[in-house]
C-alpha cells in the first residue's frame, strides 16, 4: 500500500471509529482505539456487505459508511463479549 493510501485508511478508520462510538452512545475510546476499531470495522463492514451482495461504491462517503457500519457491529460484538 502506498503512503497516501495508508494515510487515507488511518484517517477514514479514525473517523469511522469515532462516529461508531458516538452513534452507539459511547464516550469515545481514544485516538488509537478509534483507529483500530475503524480499520477493523472497515474490513468487517466490507465483508458483511460482500456476503449480503451490497455494493455501495468506492467513493469516500461510501467507504466511510461501510467502515462505520462495520465498526458499530464490532462494538456490539465486543459489548456482548464483555457481559
Protein backbone atom coordinates (compact mmCIF):
# COMPACT_ATOMS: atom_id res chain seq x y z
CA UNK A 1 0.00 0.00 0.00
CA UNK A 2 1.34 3.40 -0.90
CA UNK A 3 1.79 6.08 1.81
CA UNK A 4 -1.21 8.11 0.61
CA UNK A 5 -3.46 5.05 0.77
CA UNK A 6 -2.21 4.23 4.26
CA UNK A 7 -2.86 7.77 5.47
CA UNK A 8 -6.34 7.67 3.92
CA UNK A 9 -7.04 4.34 5.61
CA UNK A 10 -5.98 5.71 9.00
CA UNK A 11 -7.99 8.91 8.62
CA UNK A 12 -11.14 7.10 7.48
CA UNK A 13 -10.61 4.46 10.18
CA UNK A 14 -10.26 7.12 12.87
CA UNK A 15 -13.36 8.97 11.74
CA UNK A 16 -15.33 5.72 11.41
CA UNK A 17 -14.30 4.52 14.87
CA UNK A 18 -15.17 7.85 16.44
CA UNK A 19 -18.55 8.03 14.62
CA UNK A 20 -19.39 4.46 15.62
CA UNK A 21 -18.65 5.17 19.27
CA UNK A 22 -20.76 8.35 19.16
CA UNK A 23 -23.66 6.60 17.40
CA UNK A 24 -23.61 3.78 19.94
CA UNK A 25 -23.68 6.30 22.80
CA UNK A 26 -20.09 5.61 23.80
CA UNK A 27 -17.83 8.23 25.28
CA UNK A 28 -15.09 7.60 22.74
CA UNK A 29 -12.32 5.11 23.30
CA UNK A 30 -9.47 7.46 22.39
CA UNK A 31 -7.50 8.10 19.22
CA UNK A 32 -5.59 4.82 18.94
CA UNK A 33 -8.59 2.67 19.86
CA UNK A 34 -10.78 4.62 17.39
CA UNK A 35 -8.23 3.96 14.66
CA UNK A 36 -8.16 0.25 15.43
CA UNK A 37 -11.94 -0.03 15.70
CA UNK A 38 -12.43 1.96 12.49
CA UNK A 39 -9.91 0.00 10.42
CA UNK A 40 -11.19 -3.35 11.72
CA UNK A 41 -14.74 -2.07 11.19
CA UNK A 42 -13.95 -1.20 7.57
CA UNK A 43 -12.76 -4.75 6.97
CA UNK A 44 -15.76 -6.23 8.79
CA UNK A 45 -18.23 -3.90 7.04
CA UNK A 46 -16.76 -4.80 3.66
CA UNK A 47 -17.07 -8.50 4.49
CA UNK A 48 -20.68 -8.11 5.67
CA UNK A 49 -21.70 -6.11 2.60
CA UNK A 50 -19.99 -8.61 0.26
CA UNK A 51 -21.82 -11.51 1.91
CA UNK A 52 -25.12 -9.66 1.58
CA UNK A 53 -24.38 -8.67 -2.01
CA UNK A 54 -24.50 -4.95 -1.25
CA UNK A 55 -22.22 -2.63 -3.23
CA UNK A 56 -22.25 1.00 -2.13
CA UNK A 57 -19.46 2.06 -4.48
CA UNK A 58 -15.92 3.25 -3.93
CA UNK A 59 -16.36 6.93 -3.10
CA UNK A 60 -15.27 8.49 0.16
CA UNK A 61 -18.76 8.60 1.66
CA UNK A 62 -19.48 5.00 0.65
CA UNK A 63 -16.23 3.77 2.19
CA UNK A 64 -16.96 5.76 5.36
CA UNK A 65 -20.49 4.31 5.60
CA UNK A 66 -19.10 0.79 5.20
CA UNK A 67 -16.47 1.41 7.87
CA UNK A 68 -18.96 2.93 10.33
CA UNK A 69 -21.42 0.05 9.89
CA UNK A 70 -18.62 -2.45 10.44
CA UNK A 71 -17.34 -0.54 13.46
CA UNK A 72 -20.82 -0.46 15.01
CA UNK A 73 -21.14 -4.22 14.53
CA UNK A 74 -17.68 -4.68 16.03
CA UNK A 75 -18.54 -2.52 19.07
CA UNK A 76 -21.76 -4.51 19.53
CA UNK A 77 -19.87 -7.82 19.41
CA UNK A 78 -17.31 -6.54 21.92
CA UNK A 79 -20.11 -5.42 24.26
CA UNK A 80 -21.63 -8.92 24.09
CA UNK A 81 -18.30 -10.49 24.97
CA UNK A 82 -17.75 -8.12 27.92
CA UNK A 83 -21.09 -9.10 29.50
